[in-house]
Amino acid sequence: MSRLEDISVPFRKTEIAKNTYDNNDQYNSGNPNALSDGDEKGKGKMNGDVGSATDIKVRNTQLAKNRFSKNKEYNAGTA
């Protein structure tokens, strides 16, 4: 190992110990905290929504001001 690796290994172990997720509870597309289910953690797509509760609320507020919507999308035909 290089000197840098010798120094970094203890730091890596310390940081991994602080991580909520580990090999038994990995953060991936199957983890509830990765899904957009109405809380502040999830960002992945679920039931047509993407993002945390705040992301969705802000996006809906912005869409209310926009003349385009899910039913009238902005595309080459409507531009």
N, C-alpha and C. Protein backbone atom coordinates (compact mmCIF):
# COMPACT_ATOMS: atom_id res chain seq x y z
N MET A 1 0.83 -1.20 0.00
CA MET A 1 0.00 0.00 0.00
C MET A 1 0.87 1.25 0.00
N SER A 2 0.34 2.28 -0.62
CA SER A 2 1.05 3.55 -0.61
C SER A 2 0.83 4.25 0.74
N ARG A 3 1.58 5.28 0.96
CA ARG A 3 1.44 6.05 2.20
C ARG A 3 0.04 6.65 2.30
N LEU A 4 -0.47 7.14 1.18
CA LEU A 4 -1.81 7.73 1.16
C LEU A 4 -2.86 6.69 1.53
N GLU A 5 -2.74 5.48 0.99
CA GLU A 5 -3.69 4.41 1.34
C GLU A 5 -3.59 4.04 2.82
N ASP A 6 -2.38 4.00 3.34
CA ASP A 6 -2.19 3.70 4.76
C ASP A 6 -2.92 4.70 5.65
N ILE A 7 -2.89 5.97 5.24
CA ILE A 7 -3.54 7.02 6.02
C ILE A 7 -5.06 7.01 5.81
N SER A 8 -5.50 6.70 4.61
CA SER A 8 -6.92 6.83 4.29
C SER A 8 -7.80 5.68 4.80
N VAL A 9 -7.25 4.50 4.95
CA VAL A 9 -8.07 3.35 5.36
C VAL A 9 -8.77 3.59 6.69
N PRO A 10 -8.11 4.07 7.73
CA PRO A 10 -8.82 4.33 9.00
C PRO A 10 -9.93 5.38 8.84
N PHE A 11 -9.68 6.41 8.02
CA PHE A 11 -10.70 7.43 7.79
C PHE A 11 -11.91 6.83 7.08
N ARG A 12 -11.67 5.99 6.09
CA ARG A 12 -12.76 5.35 5.35
C ARG A 12 -13.61 4.51 6.28
N LYS A 13 -12.98 3.73 7.15
CA LYS A 13 -13.73 2.90 8.10
C LYS A 13 -14.57 3.75 9.04
N THR A 14 -14.04 4.88 9.45
CA THR A 14 -14.78 5.79 10.34
C THR A 14 -16.00 6.36 9.62
N GLU A 15 -15.83 6.78 8.38
CA GLU A 15 -16.93 7.37 7.62
C GLU A 15 -17.98 6.33 7.28
N ILE A 16 -17.58 5.14 6.92
CA ILE A 16 -18.54 4.07 6.61
C ILE A 16 -19.34 3.72 7.85
N ALA A 17 -18.71 3.77 9.01
CA ALA A 17 -19.43 3.47 10.26
C ALA A 17 -20.54 4.47 10.52
N LYS A 18 -20.40 5.71 10.02
CA LYS A 18 -21.42 6.74 10.20
C LYS A 18 -22.57 6.60 9.21
N ASN A 19 -22.34 5.86 8.14
CA ASN A 19 -23.33 5.72 7.08
C ASN A 19 -24.52 4.89 7.55
N THR A 20 -25.71 5.33 7.25
CA THR A 20 -26.93 4.62 7.64
C THR A 20 -27.05 3.29 6.89
N TYR A 21 -26.53 3.24 5.69
CA TYR A 21 -26.67 2.06 4.84
C TYR A 21 -25.40 1.22 4.89
N ASP A 22 -25.59 -0.11 4.83
CA ASP A 22 -24.46 -1.02 4.81
C ASP A 22 -24.77 -2.18 3.87
N ASN A 23 -23.98 -3.23 3.92
CA ASN A 23 -24.19 -4.36 3.00
C ASN A 23 -25.53 -5.05 3.23
N ASN A 24 -26.06 -4.98 4.44
CA ASN A 24 -27.35 -5.61 4.73
C ASN A 24 -28.53 -4.72 4.37
N ASP A 25 -28.32 -3.44 4.31
CA ASP A 25 -29.38 -2.46 4.01
C ASP A 25 -28.81 -1.43 3.03
N GLN A 26 -28.65 -1.85 1.79
CA GLN A 26 -28.02 -0.99 0.79
C GLN A 26 -28.99 0.06 0.26
N TYR A 27 -28.42 1.21 -0.09
CA TYR A 27 -29.22 2.27 -0.71
C TYR A 27 -29.23 2.00 -2.20
N ASN A 28 -30.34 1.47 -2.69
CA ASN A 28 -30.49 1.17 -4.12
C ASN A 28 -31.97 1.33 -4.48
N SER A 29 -32.31 0.99 -5.70
CA SER A 29 -33.69 1.20 -6.18
C SER A 29 -34.73 0.41 -5.40
N GLY A 30 -34.33 -0.58 -4.61
CA GLY A 30 -35.27 -1.35 -3.82
C GLY A 30 -35.44 -0.83 -2.40
N ASN A 31 -34.62 0.12 -2.01
CA ASN A 31 -34.68 0.65 -0.65
C ASN A 31 -35.81 1.69 -0.55
N PRO A 32 -36.68 1.59 0.47
CA PRO A 32 -37.78 2.55 0.61
C PRO A 32 -37.32 4.01 0.67
N ASN A 33 -36.13 4.26 1.20
CA ASN A 33 -35.64 5.64 1.27
C ASN A 33 -35.19 6.18 -0.07
N ALA A 34 -35.10 5.32 -1.08
CA ALA A 34 -34.70 5.78 -2.41
C ALA A 34 -35.91 6.10 -3.28
N LEU A 35 -37.10 5.76 -2.81
CA LEU A 35 -38.31 5.94 -3.61
C LEU A 35 -39.05 7.21 -3.24
N SER A 36 -39.68 7.80 -4.22
CA SER A 36 -40.46 9.01 -4.02
C SER A 36 -41.85 8.61 -3.53
N ASP A 37 -41.94 8.38 -2.21
CA ASP A 37 -43.20 7.91 -1.63
C ASP A 37 -43.86 8.94 -0.73
N GLY A 38 -43.47 10.21 -0.89
CA GLY A 38 -44.12 11.28 -0.14
C GLY A 38 -43.32 11.80 1.04
N ASP A 39 -42.15 11.21 1.32
CA ASP A 39 -41.33 11.74 2.40
C ASP A 39 -40.21 12.61 1.82
N GLU A 40 -39.31 13.05 2.66
CA GLU A 40 -38.24 13.94 2.21
C GLU A 40 -37.00 13.18 1.74
N LYS A 41 -36.97 11.88 1.92
CA LYS A 41 -35.77 11.12 1.57
C LYS A 41 -35.75 10.68 0.11
N GLY A 42 -36.84 10.11 -0.35
CA GLY A 42 -36.84 9.48 -1.65
C GLY A 42 -36.73 10.43 -2.82
N LYS A 43 -36.00 10.03 -3.84
CA LYS A 43 -35.85 10.83 -5.04
C LYS A 43 -36.25 10.02 -6.28
N GLY A 44 -36.30 8.71 -6.18
CA GLY A 44 -36.59 7.87 -7.34
C GLY A 44 -38.06 7.90 -7.71
N LYS A 45 -38.36 7.50 -8.93
CA LYS A 45 -39.72 7.55 -9.46
C LYS A 45 -40.62 6.50 -8.80
N MET A 46 -41.80 6.95 -8.38
CA MET A 46 -42.80 6.05 -7.80
C MET A 46 -44.18 6.64 -8.06
N ASN A 47 -45.06 5.87 -8.62
CA ASN A 47 -46.43 6.31 -8.93
C ASN A 47 -46.46 7.59 -9.78
N GLY A 48 -45.51 7.71 -10.67
CA GLY A 48 -45.46 8.86 -11.57
C GLY A 48 -44.83 10.10 -10.98
N ASP A 49 -44.47 10.07 -9.70
CA ASP A 49 -43.83 11.22 -9.06
C ASP A 49 -42.33 10.97 -8.92
N VAL A 50 -41.56 12.03 -9.02
CA VAL A 50 -40.12 11.96 -8.84
C VAL A 50 -39.70 13.04 -7.86
N GLY A 51 -38.91 12.67 -6.87
CA GLY A 51 -38.39 13.64 -5.92
C GLY A 51 -39.02 13.54 -4.55
N SER A 52 -38.50 14.35 -3.65
CA SER A 52 -39.00 14.38 -2.28
C SER A 52 -40.35 15.10 -2.25
N ALA A 53 -40.98 15.11 -1.09
CA ALA A 53 -42.27 15.80 -0.94
C ALA A 53 -42.12 17.28 -1.30
N THR A 54 -41.02 17.89 -0.88
CA THR A 54 -40.79 19.31 -1.20
C THR A 54 -40.58 19.50 -2.70
N ASP A 55 -39.80 18.60 -3.33
CA ASP A 55 -39.57 18.68 -4.78
C ASP A 55 -40.89 18.65 -5.54
N ILE A 56 -41.75 17.73 -5.16
CA ILE A 56 -43.04 17.56 -5.85
C ILE A 56 -43.92 18.79 -5.63
N LYS A 57 -43.97 19.30 -4.39
CA LYS A 57 -44.79 20.47 -4.08
C LYS A 57 -44.34 21.69 -4.89
N VAL A 58 -43.04 21.93 -4.92
CA VAL A 58 -42.51 23.09 -5.67
C VAL A 58 -42.78 22.92 -7.16
N ARG A 59 -42.57 21.72 -7.67
CA ARG A 59 -42.81 21.46 -9.10
C ARG A 59 -44.28 21.70 -9.44
N ASN A 60 -45.19 21.24 -8.60
CA ASN A 60 -46.62 21.46 -8.84
C ASN A 60 -46.98 22.94 -8.79
N THR A 61 -46.36 23.67 -7.88
CA THR A 61 -46.58 25.12 -7.80
C THR A 61 -46.11 25.80 -9.08
N GLN A 62 -44.95 25.39 -9.58
CA GLN A 62 -44.42 25.97 -10.80
C GLN A 62 -45.27 25.58 -12.01
N LEU A 63 -45.74 24.35 -12.04
CA LEU A 63 -46.57 23.91 -13.17
C LEU A 63 -47.90 24.66 -13.21
N ALA A 64 -48.41 25.08 -12.06
CA ALA A 64 -49.67 25.82 -12.02
C ALA A 64 -49.54 27.14 -12.76
N LYS A 65 -48.34 27.69 -12.84
CA LYS A 65 -48.09 28.95 -13.53
C LYS A 65 -47.78 28.75 -15.01
N ASN A 66 -47.62 27.50 -15.42
CA ASN A 66 -47.20 27.17 -16.77
C ASN A 66 -48.42 26.81 -17.62
N ARG A 67 -48.45 27.23 -18.86
CA ARG A 67 -49.60 26.90 -19.70
C ARG A 67 -49.55 25.47 -20.23
N PHE A 68 -48.44 24.77 -20.01
CA PHE A 68 -48.32 23.38 -20.40
C PHE A 68 -48.48 22.50 -19.17
N SER A 69 -48.96 21.28 -19.36
CA SER A 69 -49.20 20.37 -18.24
C SER A 69 -48.99 18.94 -18.72
N LYS A 70 -49.33 17.97 -17.86
CA LYS A 70 -49.23 16.57 -18.26
C LYS A 70 -50.18 16.28 -19.41
N ASN A 71 -51.33 16.97 -19.44
CA ASN A 71 -52.30 16.75 -20.51
C ASN A 71 -52.00 17.57 -21.76
N LYS A 72 -51.25 18.64 -21.61
CA LYS A 72 -50.85 19.48 -22.74
C LYS A 72 -49.36 19.74 -22.63
N GLU A 73 -48.57 18.77 -23.09
CA GLU A 73 -47.12 18.83 -22.94
C GLU A 73 -46.49 19.77 -23.96
N TYR A 74 -45.33 20.27 -23.59
CA TYR A 74 -44.54 21.10 -24.49
C TYR A 74 -43.73 20.17 -25.36
N ASN A 75 -43.99 20.21 -26.66
CA ASN A 75 -43.23 19.39 -27.60
C ASN A 75 -43.20 20.09 -28.96
N ALA A 76 -42.69 19.43 -29.97
CA ALA A 76 -42.56 20.05 -31.30
C ALA A 76 -43.91 20.46 -31.87
N GLY A 77 -44.97 19.74 -31.55
CA GLY A 77 -46.29 20.04 -32.06
C GLY A 77 -46.95 21.24 -31.40
N THR A 78 -46.54 21.56 -30.17
CA THR A 78 -47.17 22.66 -29.45
C THR A 78 -46.27 23.88 -29.31
N ALA A 79 -45.04 23.75 -29.76
CA ALA A 79 -44.06 24.87 -29.62
C ALA A 79 -44.39 26.00 -30.54
